[in-house]
C-alpha atoms as a PDB file:
ATOM      1  CA  MET A   1      43.087  24.842  -1.802  1.00  0.00           C
ATOM      2  CA  GLU A   2      39.320  25.234  -0.818  1.00  0.00           C
ATOM      3  CA  ASP A   3      40.718  26.727   2.405  1.00  0.00           C
ATOM      4  CA  LYS A   4      42.693  29.222   0.815  1.00  0.00           C
ATOM      5  CA  ARG A   5      39.764  30.211  -1.795  1.00  0.00           C
ATOM      6  CA  ARG A   6      37.865  30.910   1.708  1.00  0.00           C
ATOM      7  CA  THR A   7      40.499  32.625   3.228  1.00  0.00           C
ATOM      8  CA  ALA A   8      40.732  35.124   0.380  1.00  0.00           C
ATOM      9  CA  ARG A   9      37.115  35.811   0.255  1.00  0.00           C
ATOM     10  CA  ASN A  10      37.200  36.576   3.923  1.00  0.00           C
ATOM     11  CA  LEU A  11      40.032  38.776   3.418  1.00  0.00           C
ATOM     12  CA  VAL A  12      38.346  40.686   0.696  1.00  0.00           C
ATOM     13  CA  ALA A  13      35.190  40.828   2.648  1.00  0.00           C
ATOM     14  CA  LYS A  14      36.858  42.310   5.897  1.00  0.00           C
ATOM     15  CA  LEU A  15      39.077  44.909   3.538  1.00  0.00           C
ATOM     16  CA  THR A  16      42.212  43.832   5.371  1.00  0.00           C
ATOM     17  CA  LEU A  17      44.762  45.272   2.993  1.00  0.00           C
ATOM     18  CA  ALA A  18      47.676  44.628   5.187  1.00  0.00           C
ATOM     19  CA  GLU A  19      46.777  40.785   5.401  1.00  0.00           C
ATOM     20  CA  LEU A  20      46.096  40.993   1.706  1.00  0.00           C
ATOM     21  CA  ARG A  21      49.602  42.447   1.012  1.00  0.00           C
ATOM     22  CA  LEU A  22      51.354  40.003   3.156  1.00  0.00           C
ATOM     23  CA  ILE A  23      49.526  36.643   1.941  1.00  0.00           C
ATOM     24  CA  SER A  24      49.810  37.879  -1.857  1.00  0.00           C
ATOM     25  CA  ARG A  25      53.690  38.282  -1.218  1.00  0.00           C
ATOM     26  CA  GLN A  26      54.075  34.848   0.613  1.00  0.00           C
ATOM     27  CA  ASP A  27      51.779  32.663  -0.886  1.00  0.00           C
ATOM     28  CA  PRO A  28      51.843  32.719  -4.847  1.00  0.00           C
ATOM     29  CA  GLU A  29      49.071  30.249  -4.995  1.00  0.00           C
ATOM     30  CA  SER A  30      46.979  32.718  -3.273  1.00  0.00           C
ATOM     31  CA  ARG A  31      47.233  35.359  -5.992  1.00  0.00           C
ATOM     32  CA  PRO A  32      44.477  34.426  -8.497  1.00  0.00           C
ATOM     33  CA  LEU A  33      42.096  33.117  -5.849  1.00  0.00           C
ATOM     34  CA  ILE A  34      42.534  36.875  -4.057  1.00  0.00           C
ATOM     35  CA  ALA A  35      41.798  38.146  -7.555  1.00  0.00           C
ATOM     36  CA  ASP A  36      38.939  36.014  -7.991  1.00  0.00           C
ATOM     37  CA  ALA A  37      37.415  37.097  -4.953  1.00  0.00           C
ATOM     38  CA  GLY A  38      37.012  40.628  -6.321  1.00  0.00           C
ATOM     39  CA  ALA A  39      40.228  42.275  -4.809  1.00  0.00           C
ATOM     40  CA  VAL A  40      41.287  44.136  -7.752  1.00  0.00           C
ATOM     41  CA  PRO A  41      38.691  46.782  -8.163  1.00  0.00           C
ATOM     42  CA  TYR A  42      38.375  47.557  -4.347  1.00  0.00           C
ATOM     43  CA  LEU A  43      42.366  47.626  -4.524  1.00  0.00           C
ATOM     44  CA  SER A  44      41.839  50.084  -7.363  1.00  0.00           C
ATOM     45  CA  GLU A  45      39.735  52.285  -5.761  1.00  0.00           C
ATOM     46  CA  THR A  46      41.878  51.995  -2.850  1.00  0.00           C
ATOM     47  CA  LEU A  47      44.787  54.026  -4.519  1.00  0.00           C
ATOM     48  CA  PHE A  48      42.558  57.371  -4.362  1.00  0.00           C
ATOM     49  CA  SER A  49      42.886  57.096  -0.570  1.00  0.00           C
ATOM     50  CA  TYR A  50      44.263  60.017   1.266  1.00  0.00           C
ATOM     51  CA  SER A  51      46.259  57.524   3.610  1.00  0.00           C
ATOM     52  CA  PRO A  52      49.730  56.873   2.133  1.00  0.00           C
ATOM     53  CA  ALA A  53      49.832  53.508   4.325  1.00  0.00           C
ATOM     54  CA  ILE A  54      46.719  52.601   2.771  1.00  0.00           C
ATOM     55  CA  GLN A  55      47.743  53.407  -0.794  1.00  0.00           C
ATOM     56  CA  GLU A  56      51.063  51.743  -0.251  1.00  0.00           C
ATOM     57  CA  ASN A  57      49.262  48.566   1.209  1.00  0.00           C
ATOM     58  CA  ALA A  58      47.079  48.470  -1.898  1.00  0.00           C
ATOM     59  CA  ALA A  59      50.014  49.431  -4.761  1.00  0.00           C
ATOM     60  CA  ALA A  60      51.654  46.336  -3.101  1.00  0.00           C
ATOM     61  CA  THR A  61      48.867  43.773  -3.467  1.00  0.00           C
ATOM     62  CA  LEU A  62      48.230  44.876  -6.936  1.00  0.00           C
ATOM     63  CA  LEU A  63      52.099  44.418  -7.698  1.00  0.00           C
ATOM     64  CA  ASN A  64      51.988  40.821  -6.180  1.00  0.00           C
ATOM     65  CA  LEU A  65      48.727  40.240  -8.177  1.00  0.00           C
ATOM     66  CA  SER A  66      50.003  41.317 -11.406  1.00  0.00           C
ATOM     67  CA  ILE A  67      52.760  38.742 -11.293  1.00  0.00           C
ATOM     68  CA  THR A  68      50.115  35.896 -11.995  1.00  0.00           C
ATOM     69  CA  SER A  69      46.752  37.633 -12.436  1.00  0.00           C
ATOM     70  CA  ARG A  70      47.494  40.675 -15.038  1.00  0.00           C
ATOM     71  CA  ASP A  71      44.231  39.667 -17.022  1.00  0.00           C
ATOM     72  CA  SER A  72      42.300  40.617 -13.925  1.00  0.00           C
ATOM     73  CA  LEU A  73      44.170  43.910 -13.696  1.00  0.00           C
ATOM     74  CA  MET A  74      43.758  44.957 -16.787  1.00  0.00           C
ATOM     75  CA  SER A  75      40.091  43.930 -17.473  1.00  0.00           C
ATOM     76  CA  THR A  76      39.252  46.071 -14.346  1.00  0.00           C
ATOM     77  CA  ARG A  77      37.587  49.319 -15.402  1.00  0.00           C
ATOM     78  CA  GLY A  78      39.357  52.341 -13.964  1.00  0.00           C
ATOM     79  CA  LEU A  79      42.409  50.673 -13.019  1.00  0.00           C
ATOM     80  CA  LEU A  80      45.084  52.591 -15.127  1.00  0.00           C
ATOM     81  CA  ASP A  81      43.544  55.850 -13.845  1.00  0.00           C
ATOM     82  CA  ALA A  82      44.069  54.809 -10.268  1.00  0.00           C
ATOM     83  CA  LEU A  83      47.809  53.779 -11.015  1.00  0.00           C
ATOM     84  CA  SER A  84      48.262  57.210 -12.530  1.00  0.00           C
ATOM     85  CA  HIS A  85      46.745  58.902  -9.476  1.00  0.00           C
ATOM     86  CA  ALA A  86      48.816  57.278  -7.024  1.00  0.00           C
ATOM     87  CA  LEU A  87      52.007  57.690  -9.104  1.00  0.00           C
ATOM     88  CA  SER A  88      51.212  61.621  -9.058  1.00  0.00           C
ATOM     89  CA  ASN A  89      49.870  62.376  -5.725  1.00  0.00           C
ATOM     90  CA  SER A  90      50.810  59.538  -3.186  1.00  0.00           C
ATOM     91  CA  ALA A  91      53.135  60.834  -0.360  1.00  0.00           C
ATOM     92  CA  SER A  92      54.384  57.237  -0.251  1.00  0.00           C
ATOM     93  CA  GLN A  93      57.327  56.339  -2.205  1.00  0.00           C
ATOM     94  CA  GLY A  94      56.557  52.698  -1.759  1.00  0.00           C
ATOM     95  CA  ALA A  95      53.267  53.146  -3.246  1.00  0.00           C
ATOM     96  CA  VAL A  96      54.892  55.369  -6.183  1.00  0.00           C
ATOM     97  CA  GLN A  97      57.305  52.477  -6.522  1.00  0.00           C
ATOM     98  CA  SER A  98      54.812  49.577  -6.626  1.00  0.00           C
ATOM     99  CA  CYS A  99      52.532  51.319  -9.193  1.00  0.00           C
ATOM    100  CA  ALA A 100      55.137  51.599 -11.508  1.00  0.00           C
ATOM    101  CA  ALA A 101      56.413  48.111 -10.741  1.00  0.00           C
ATOM    102  CA  THR A 102      52.820  46.898 -11.741  1.00  0.00           C
ATOM    103  CA  LEU A 103      52.840  48.688 -15.021  1.00  0.00           C
ATOM    104  CA  HIS A 104      56.052  47.106 -16.092  1.00  0.00           C
ATOM    105  CA  SER A 105      54.690  43.877 -15.017  1.00  0.00           C
ATOM    106  CA  ILE A 106      51.880  44.042 -17.153  1.00  0.00           C
ATOM    107  CA  LEU A 107      53.741  45.651 -20.042  1.00  0.00           C
ATOM    108  CA  ILE A 108      56.626  42.971 -20.283  1.00  0.00           C
ATOM    109  CA  ALA A 109      54.178  39.923 -20.339  1.00  0.00           C
ATOM    110  CA  ASP A 110      51.340  41.399 -22.079  1.00  0.00           C
ATOM    111  CA  GLU A 111      52.169  42.932 -25.590  1.00  0.00           C
ATOM    112  CA  SER A 112      48.425  44.405 -25.914  1.00  0.00           C
ATOM    113  CA  SER A 113      48.709  46.531 -23.333  1.00  0.00           C
ATOM    114  CA  ARG A 114      51.328  48.244 -24.371  1.00  0.00           C
ATOM    115  CA  PRO A 115      49.275  50.434 -27.139  1.00  0.00           C
ATOM    116  CA  ILE A 116      46.596  50.773 -24.346  1.00  0.00           C
ATOM    117  CA  ILE A 117      49.014  52.124 -21.409  1.00  0.00           C
ATOM    118  CA  GLY A 118      50.689  54.116 -23.890  1.00  0.00           C
ATOM    119  CA  SER A 119      47.925  56.099 -24.922  1.00  0.00           C
ATOM    120  CA  LYS A 120      47.575  57.127 -21.104  1.00  0.00           C
ATOM    121  CA  ARG A 121      49.610  60.351 -21.867  1.00  0.00           C
ATOM    122  CA  ASP A 122      49.072  61.311 -17.709  1.00  0.00           C
ATOM    123  CA  ILE A 123      50.889  58.075 -17.232  1.00  0.00           C
ATOM    124  CA  LEU A 124      53.744  58.784 -19.395  1.00  0.00           C
ATOM    125  CA  TYR A 125      54.275  62.149 -18.175  1.00  0.00           C
ATOM    126  CA  THR A 126      54.355  61.206 -14.569  1.00  0.00           C
ATOM    127  CA  LEU A 127      56.851  58.732 -15.167  1.00  0.00           C
ATOM    128  CA  LEU A 128      58.785  60.986 -17.109  1.00  0.00           C
ATOM    129  CA  SER A 129      58.655  63.671 -14.224  1.00  0.00           C
ATOM    130  CA  ILE A 130      59.860  60.928 -11.881  1.00  0.00           C
ATOM    131  CA  ILE A 131      63.124  60.274 -13.655  1.00  0.00           C
ATOM    132  CA  GLY A 132      63.550  64.275 -13.800  1.00  0.00           C
ATOM    133  CA  ASP A 133      63.401  64.678 -10.210  1.00  0.00           C
ATOM    134  CA  LYS A 134      66.708  64.868  -8.629  1.00  0.00           C
ATOM    135  CA  HIS A 135      65.246  64.068  -5.471  1.00  0.00           C
ATOM    136  CA  ALA A 136      63.597  61.039  -6.199  1.00  0.00           C
ATOM    137  CA  LEU A 137      64.682  57.779  -4.926  1.00  0.00           C
ATOM    138  CA  ALA A 138      66.790  55.572  -6.920  1.00  0.00           C
ATOM    139  CA  ARG A 139      64.291  52.945  -6.604  1.00  0.00           C
ATOM    140  CA  SER A 140      61.357  55.197  -7.850  1.00  0.00           C
ATOM    141  CA  ILE A 141      63.486  56.172 -10.561  1.00  0.00           C
ATOM    142  CA  LYS A 142      64.593  52.412 -11.773  1.00  0.00           C
ATOM    143  CA  ASP A 143      61.037  51.646 -11.483  1.00  0.00           C
ATOM    144  CA  ALA A 144      59.832  54.551 -13.567  1.00  0.00           C
ATOM    145  CA  LEU A 145      62.482  53.485 -16.030  1.00  0.00           C
ATOM    146  CA  GLU A 146      61.569  50.053 -16.375  1.00  0.00           C
ATOM    147  CA  ALA A 147      58.037  50.689 -17.106  1.00  0.00           C
ATOM    148  CA  LEU A 148      58.856  53.573 -19.750  1.00  0.00           C
ATOM    149  CA  PHE A 149      60.915  50.738 -21.217  1.00  0.00           C
ATOM    150  CA  GLY A 150      57.988  48.576 -21.376  1.00  0.00           C
ATOM    151  CA  ILE A 151      55.905  51.251 -23.092  1.00  0.00           C
ATOM    152  CA  ALA A 152      58.464  52.050 -25.600  1.00  0.00           C
ATOM    153  CA  LEU A 153      58.635  48.427 -26.844  1.00  0.00           C
ATOM    154  CA  TYR A 154      55.573  49.408 -28.739  1.00  0.00           C
ATOM    155  CA  GLN A 155      56.985  51.513 -31.652  1.00  0.00           C
ATOM    156  CA  LEU A 156      53.784  54.036 -32.034  1.00  0.00           C
ATOM    157  CA  ASN A 157      54.396  54.866 -28.130  1.00  0.00           C
ATOM    158  CA  ARG A 158      57.835  56.403 -28.979  1.00  0.00           C
ATOM    159  CA  ALA A 159      56.668  59.526 -30.721  1.00  0.00           C
ATOM    160  CA  SER A 160      54.424  59.975 -28.007  1.00  0.00           C
ATOM    161  CA  LEU A 161      57.085  59.826 -25.359  1.00  0.00           C
ATOM    162  CA  VAL A 162      59.478  62.296 -27.810  1.00  0.00           C
ATOM    163  CA  GLY A 163      56.814  64.952 -27.661  1.00  0.00           C
ATOM    164  CA  LEU A 164      56.475  64.770 -23.694  1.00  0.00           C
ATOM    165  CA  GLY A 165      60.202  65.285 -23.441  1.00  0.00           C
ATOM    166  CA  ALA A 166      61.807  61.784 -22.751  1.00  0.00           C
ATOM    167  CA  VAL A 167      64.992  62.461 -24.748  1.00  0.00           C
ATOM    168  CA  PRO A 168      66.088  65.541 -22.902  1.00  0.00           C
ATOM    169  CA  ALA A 169      64.974  63.862 -19.772  1.00  0.00           C
ATOM    170  CA  LEU A 170      66.821  60.535 -20.405  1.00  0.00           C
ATOM    171  CA  VAL A 171      69.787  62.440 -21.538  1.00  0.00           C
ATOM    172  CA  SER A 172      70.034  64.629 -18.497  1.00  0.00           C
ATOM    173  CA  LEU A 173      69.791  61.685 -16.314  1.00  0.00           C
ATOM    174  CA  ILE A 174      72.314  59.932 -17.796  1.00  0.00           C
ATOM    175  CA  VAL A 175      74.535  62.808 -17.618  1.00  0.00           C
ATOM    176  CA  ARG A 176      73.921  63.733 -13.756  1.00  0.00           C
ATOM    177  CA  ASP A 177      73.552  60.180 -12.232  1.00  0.00           C
ATOM    178  CA  ALA A 178      76.628  58.064 -11.955  1.00  0.00           C
ATOM    179  CA  ARG A 179      74.996  55.081 -10.617  1.00  0.00           C
ATOM    180  CA  LYS A 180      75.482  52.203 -13.121  1.00  0.00           C
ATOM    181  CA  GLY A 181      71.878  50.579 -12.821  1.00  0.00           C
ATOM    182  CA  ILE A 182      70.250  53.947 -13.182  1.00  0.00           C
ATOM    183  CA  VAL A 183      72.460  54.697 -16.374  1.00  0.00           C
ATOM    184  CA  GLU A 184      72.148  51.144 -17.956  1.00  0.00           C
ATOM    185  CA  ASP A 185      68.117  51.382 -17.420  1.00  0.00           C
ATOM    186  CA  ALA A 186      68.033  55.001 -18.790  1.00  0.00           C
ATOM    187  CA  THR A 187      70.318  54.268 -21.895  1.00  0.00           C
ATOM    188  CA  ALA A 188      67.994  50.958 -22.698  1.00  0.00           C
ATOM    189  CA  VAL A 189      64.740  52.959 -22.726  1.00  0.00           C
ATOM    190  CA  LEU A 190      66.859  55.972 -24.728  1.00  0.00           C
ATOM    191  CA  ALA A 191      67.621  53.130 -27.195  1.00  0.00           C
ATOM    192  CA  GLN A 192      64.108  52.192 -27.721  1.00  0.00           C
ATOM    193  CA  ILE A 193      62.939  55.972 -28.085  1.00  0.00           C
ATOM    194  CA  ALA A 194      65.702  56.496 -31.063  1.00  0.00           C
ATOM    195  CA  GLY A 195      63.938  53.864 -33.166  1.00  0.00           C
ATOM    196  CA  CYS A 196      61.580  56.516 -34.370  1.00  0.00           C
ATOM    197  CA  GLU A 197      61.905  59.286 -36.840  1.00  0.00           C
ATOM    198  CA  GLU A 198      60.861  61.911 -34.412  1.00  0.00           C
ATOM    199  CA  SER A 199      63.608  61.384 -32.109  1.00  0.00           C
ATOM    200  CA  GLU A 200      66.488  62.574 -34.611  1.00  0.00           C
ATOM    201  CA  GLU A 201      65.746  66.308 -33.934  1.00  0.00           C
ATOM    202  CA  ALA A 202      65.324  65.657 -30.321  1.00  0.00           C
ATOM    203  CA  MET A 203      68.622  63.600 -29.762  1.00  0.00           C
ATOM    204  CA  ARG A 204      70.212  66.521 -31.674  1.00  0.00           C
ATOM    205  CA  LYS A 205      68.681  69.327 -29.395  1.00  0.00           C
ATOM    206  CA  ALA A 206      69.334  67.544 -26.057  1.00  0.00           C
ATOM    207  CA  GLY A 207      72.970  66.481 -26.977  1.00  0.00           C
ATOM    208  CA  GLY A 208      72.052  63.188 -26.903  1.00  0.00           C
ATOM    209  CA  LEU A 209      74.524  61.990 -29.868  1.00  0.00           C
ATOM    210  CA  LYS A 210      77.410  63.508 -27.884  1.00  0.00           C
ATOM    211  CA  VAL A 211      76.277  61.668 -24.691  1.00  0.00           C
ATOM    212  CA  LEU A 212      76.079  58.459 -26.434  1.00  0.00           C
ATOM    213  CA  GLY A 213      79.488  58.992 -27.931  1.00  0.00           C
ATOM    214  CA  ASP A 214      80.913  59.802 -24.417  1.00  0.00           C
ATOM    215  CA  LEU A 215      79.533  56.496 -23.213  1.00  0.00           C
ATOM    216  CA  LEU A 216      81.684  54.925 -25.612  1.00  0.00           C
ATOM    217  CA  ASP A 217      84.532  56.553 -25.295  1.00  0.00           C
ATOM    218  CA  LYS A 218      87.575  54.404 -24.135  1.00  0.00           C
ATOM    219  CA  LYS A 219      88.529  56.887 -21.295  1.00  0.00           C
ATOM    220  CA  THR A 220      85.010  56.088 -19.620  1.00  0.00           C
ATOM    221  CA  THR A 221      84.283  53.263 -17.602  1.00  0.00           C
ATOM    222  CA  ALA A 222      80.847  52.416 -19.038  1.00  0.00           C
ATOM    223  CA  SER A 223      79.533  48.740 -18.504  1.00  0.00           C
ATOM    224  CA  THR A 224      79.121  46.390 -21.265  1.00  0.00           C
ATOM    225  CA  ARG A 225      75.437  46.705 -20.833  1.00  0.00           C
ATOM    226  CA  ILE A 226      75.676  50.584 -21.032  1.00  0.00           C
ATOM    227  CA  ARG A 227      77.948  50.473 -24.319  1.00  0.00           C
ATOM    228  CA  GLU A 228      75.628  47.822 -25.962  1.00  0.00           C
ATOM    229  CA  ASN A 229      72.618  50.181 -25.334  1.00  0.00           C
ATOM    230  CA  ALA A 230      74.703  53.167 -26.864  1.00  0.00           C
ATOM    231  CA  VAL A 231      75.204  51.048 -29.850  1.00  0.00           C
ATOM    232  CA  ALA A 232      71.731  50.011 -30.202  1.00  0.00           C
ATOM    233  CA  ALA A 233      70.575  53.767 -30.084  1.00  0.00           C
ATOM    234  CA  LEU A 234      73.165  55.027 -32.498  1.00  0.00           C
ATOM    235  CA  LEU A 235      71.964  52.145 -34.918  1.00  0.00           C
ATOM    236  CA  ASN A 236      68.071  53.091 -34.205  1.00  0.00           C
ATOM    237  CA  LEU A 237      68.909  56.617 -35.103  1.00  0.00           C
ATOM    238  CA  ALA A 238      71.015  55.620 -38.028  1.00  0.00           C
ATOM    239  CA  ARG A 239      68.237  53.449 -39.343  1.00  0.00           C
ATOM    240  CA  CYS A 240      65.082  55.715 -38.419  1.00  0.00           C
ATOM    241  CA  GLY A 241      66.915  59.243 -39.061  1.00  0.00           C
ATOM    242  CA  GLY A 242      67.207  61.535 -42.087  1.00  0.00           C
ATOM    243  CA  GLU A 243      70.334  61.741 -44.070  1.00  0.00           C
ATOM    244  CA  GLN A 244      71.836  64.352 -41.707  1.00  0.00           C
ATOM    245  CA  GLY A 245      71.387  62.197 -38.550  1.00  0.00           C
ATOM    246  CA  ARG A 246      72.773  59.386 -40.609  1.00  0.00           C
ATOM    247  CA  LYS A 247      75.845  61.668 -41.179  1.00  0.00           C
ATOM    248  CA  GLU A 248      76.147  62.566 -37.698  1.00  0.00           C
ATOM    249  CA  VAL A 249      75.909  59.206 -36.572  1.00  0.00           C
ATOM    250  CA  ARG A 250      78.717  57.920 -39.090  1.00  0.00           C
ATOM    251  CA  GLU A 251      80.728  60.604 -37.910  1.00  0.00           C
ATOM    252  CA  MET A 252      80.434  59.833 -34.166  1.00  0.00           C
ATOM    253  CA  GLY A 253      80.732  56.363 -35.090  1.00  0.00           C
ATOM    254  CA  VAL A 254      84.070  56.676 -36.705  1.00  0.00           C
ATOM    255  CA  LYS A 255      85.455  58.751 -33.524  1.00  0.00           C
ATOM    256  CA  VAL A 256      84.565  55.616 -31.170  1.00  0.00           C
ATOM    257  CA  MET A 257      85.069  52.524 -33.539  1.00  0.00           C
ATOM    258  CA  ASP A 258      87.293  50.963 -31.166  1.00  0.00           C
ATOM    259  CA  VAL A 259      84.603  50.463 -28.855  1.00  0.00           C
ATOM    260  CA  ILE A 260      82.081  49.759 -31.088  1.00  0.00           C
ATOM    261  CA  THR A 261      84.324  46.581 -32.257  1.00  0.00           C
ATOM    262  CA  GLU A 262      85.068  45.689 -28.870  1.00  0.00           C
ATOM    263  CA  VAL A 263      81.360  45.291 -28.372  1.00  0.00           C
ATOM    264  CA  GLY A 264      81.107  43.221 -31.731  1.00  0.00           C
ATOM    265  CA  GLU A 265      83.865  41.048 -30.451  1.00  0.00           C
ATOM    266  CA  ASN A 266      82.875  40.569 -26.770  1.00  0.00           C
ATOM    267  CA  GLY A 267      79.274  41.468 -26.278  1.00  0.00           C
ATOM    268  CA  SER A 268      76.193  39.626 -25.714  1.00  0.00           C
ATOM    269  CA  PRO A 269      74.568  37.931 -28.731  1.00  0.00           C
ATOM    270  CA  LYS A 270      72.231  40.962 -29.517  1.00  0.00           C
ATOM    271  CA  GLY A 271      74.947  43.255 -28.571  1.00  0.00           C
ATOM    272  CA  LYS A 272      77.622  41.843 -31.006  1.00  0.00           C
ATOM    273  CA  ALA A 273      74.882  41.612 -33.553  1.00  0.00           C
ATOM    274  CA  LYS A 274      73.917  45.400 -33.634  1.00  0.00           C
ATOM    275  CA  ALA A 275      77.579  46.566 -33.014  1.00  0.00           C
ATOM    276  CA  ILE A 276      78.383  44.823 -36.312  1.00  0.00           C
ATOM    277  CA  GLU A 277      75.658  46.122 -38.226  1.00  0.00           C
ATOM    278  CA  LEU A 278      76.806  49.483 -36.830  1.00  0.00           C
ATOM    279  CA  LEU A 279      80.275  49.063 -37.743  1.00  0.00           C
ATOM    280  CA  LYS A 280      79.293  48.011 -41.227  1.00  0.00           C
ATOM    281  CA  TYR A 281      77.059  50.895 -41.892  1.00  0.00           C
ATOM    282  CA  VAL A 282      80.047  53.171 -40.438  1.00  0.00           C
ATOM    283  CA  VAL A 283      82.652  51.772 -42.547  1.00  0.00           C
ATOM    284  CA  ASP A 284      80.219  51.579 -45.802  1.00  0.00           C
ATOM    285  CA  GLY A 285      80.086  55.399 -45.406  1.00  0.00           C
ATOM    286  CA  ASN A 286      82.512  55.989 -48.308  1.00  0.00           C
ATOM    287  CA  GLU A 287      83.124  59.616 -47.009  1.00  0.00           C
ATOM    288  CA  TYR A 288      84.925  58.133 -44.036  1.00  0.00           C
ATOM    289  CA  GLU A 289      86.967  55.362 -46.061  1.00  0.00           C
ATOM    290  CA  ASN A 290      90.321  56.850 -45.263  1.00  0.00           C
ATOM    291  CA  GLN A 291      89.652  57.201 -41.533  1.00  0.00           C
ATOM    292  CA  VAL A 292      88.726  53.626 -41.224  1.00  0.00           C
ATOM    293  CA  ARG A 293      91.298  52.136 -43.490  1.00  0.00           C
ATOM    294  CA  GLU A 294      93.208  50.919 -40.324  1.00  0.00           C
ATOM    295  CA  LEU A 295      90.566  48.913 -39.269  1.00  0.00           C
ATOM    296  CA  ARG A 296      89.545  47.563 -42.579  1.00  0.00           C
ATOM    297  CA  PHE A 297      93.202  46.662 -42.549  1.00  0.00           C
ATOM    298  CA  LYS A 298      92.913  44.841 -39.104  1.00  0.00           C
ATOM    299  CA  PHE A 299      89.886  42.603 -40.010  1.00  0.00           C
ATOM    300  CA  ASN A 300      90.910  42.364 -43.839  1.00  0.00           C
ATOM    301  CA  SER A 301      87.222  43.153 -44.514  1.00  0.00           C
ATOM    302  CA  ILE A 302      83.738  44.024 -42.716  1.00  0.00           C
ATOM    303  CA  ASN A 303      82.873  40.264 -43.898  1.00  0.00           C
ATOM    304  CA  ASP A 304      85.820  38.849 -42.417  1.00  0.00           C
ATOM    305  CA  PHE A 305      84.905  40.886 -39.237  1.00  0.00           C
ATOM    306  CA  MET A 306      81.580  39.697 -39.057  1.00  0.00           C
ATOM    307  CA  ASP A 307      82.491  35.710 -39.689  1.00  0.00           C
ATOM    308  CA  HIS A 308      84.848  36.030 -36.768  1.00  0.00           C
ATOM    309  CA  SER A 309      82.173  37.694 -34.233  1.00  0.00           C
ATOM    310  CA  ILE A 310      78.826  35.616 -34.893  1.00  0.00           C
END
């Protein structure tokens, strides 16, 4: 261990970024030693370099360190500004991807970081710009979506994302991108953002409800995860929206009742629970009792269905 500590100090002293990147990737035990040797402030400053290759090495090393040394990253002054700069200014797609992935790594593991990162509107704006770029690489879009998901886990960040145009950006991405993994991640973020009252009007303007309904249409080939995310988004809209929003969710829910039912029967445990709650919400809307009578007969009662599915 002492040899590794000595090696870490020497690498930082020599500023050998390529070697730092390599050793931090190949030897997990070296990561806290590299961080303790003072690498994080240097790597943070290096993200402002004009060299794409240098930025890429620094960003990749920070990503590796974020796996085991998140506290060192978040305690480094200016780190978030450096990540934001590289996200929006680097000519290296690798650097962009590593910076977004670093944010995701921190956000998922450290709840206290979510309001801090969510308050950085430049980061939010840049991540949304990436998913809105038709020429962005799939890996860049996925990393940006994963970072946005981590940000949206904190409820107070959702309104900020809505204000910056997250809903139309996500809806547009879902419509134009046929890659399953991208759509899965985009619907996961949209489901989280739907959990705030500000999302109702944004969803209406962007045609989001129709898109969610299309994903739950029997004619589509959406994956189970996509359908579960669509169910979660509808449920969050019903929970957080006004009366008009709840009415629109009920109307859409009636149209795709069969698929919601399938998710309630065959989805993941979380997916089942949300589908059942949404189904109960739609069925209990007395305005639509005639339209769901056949499904009520099929399951005898919503409680029987719930007992069967859980």
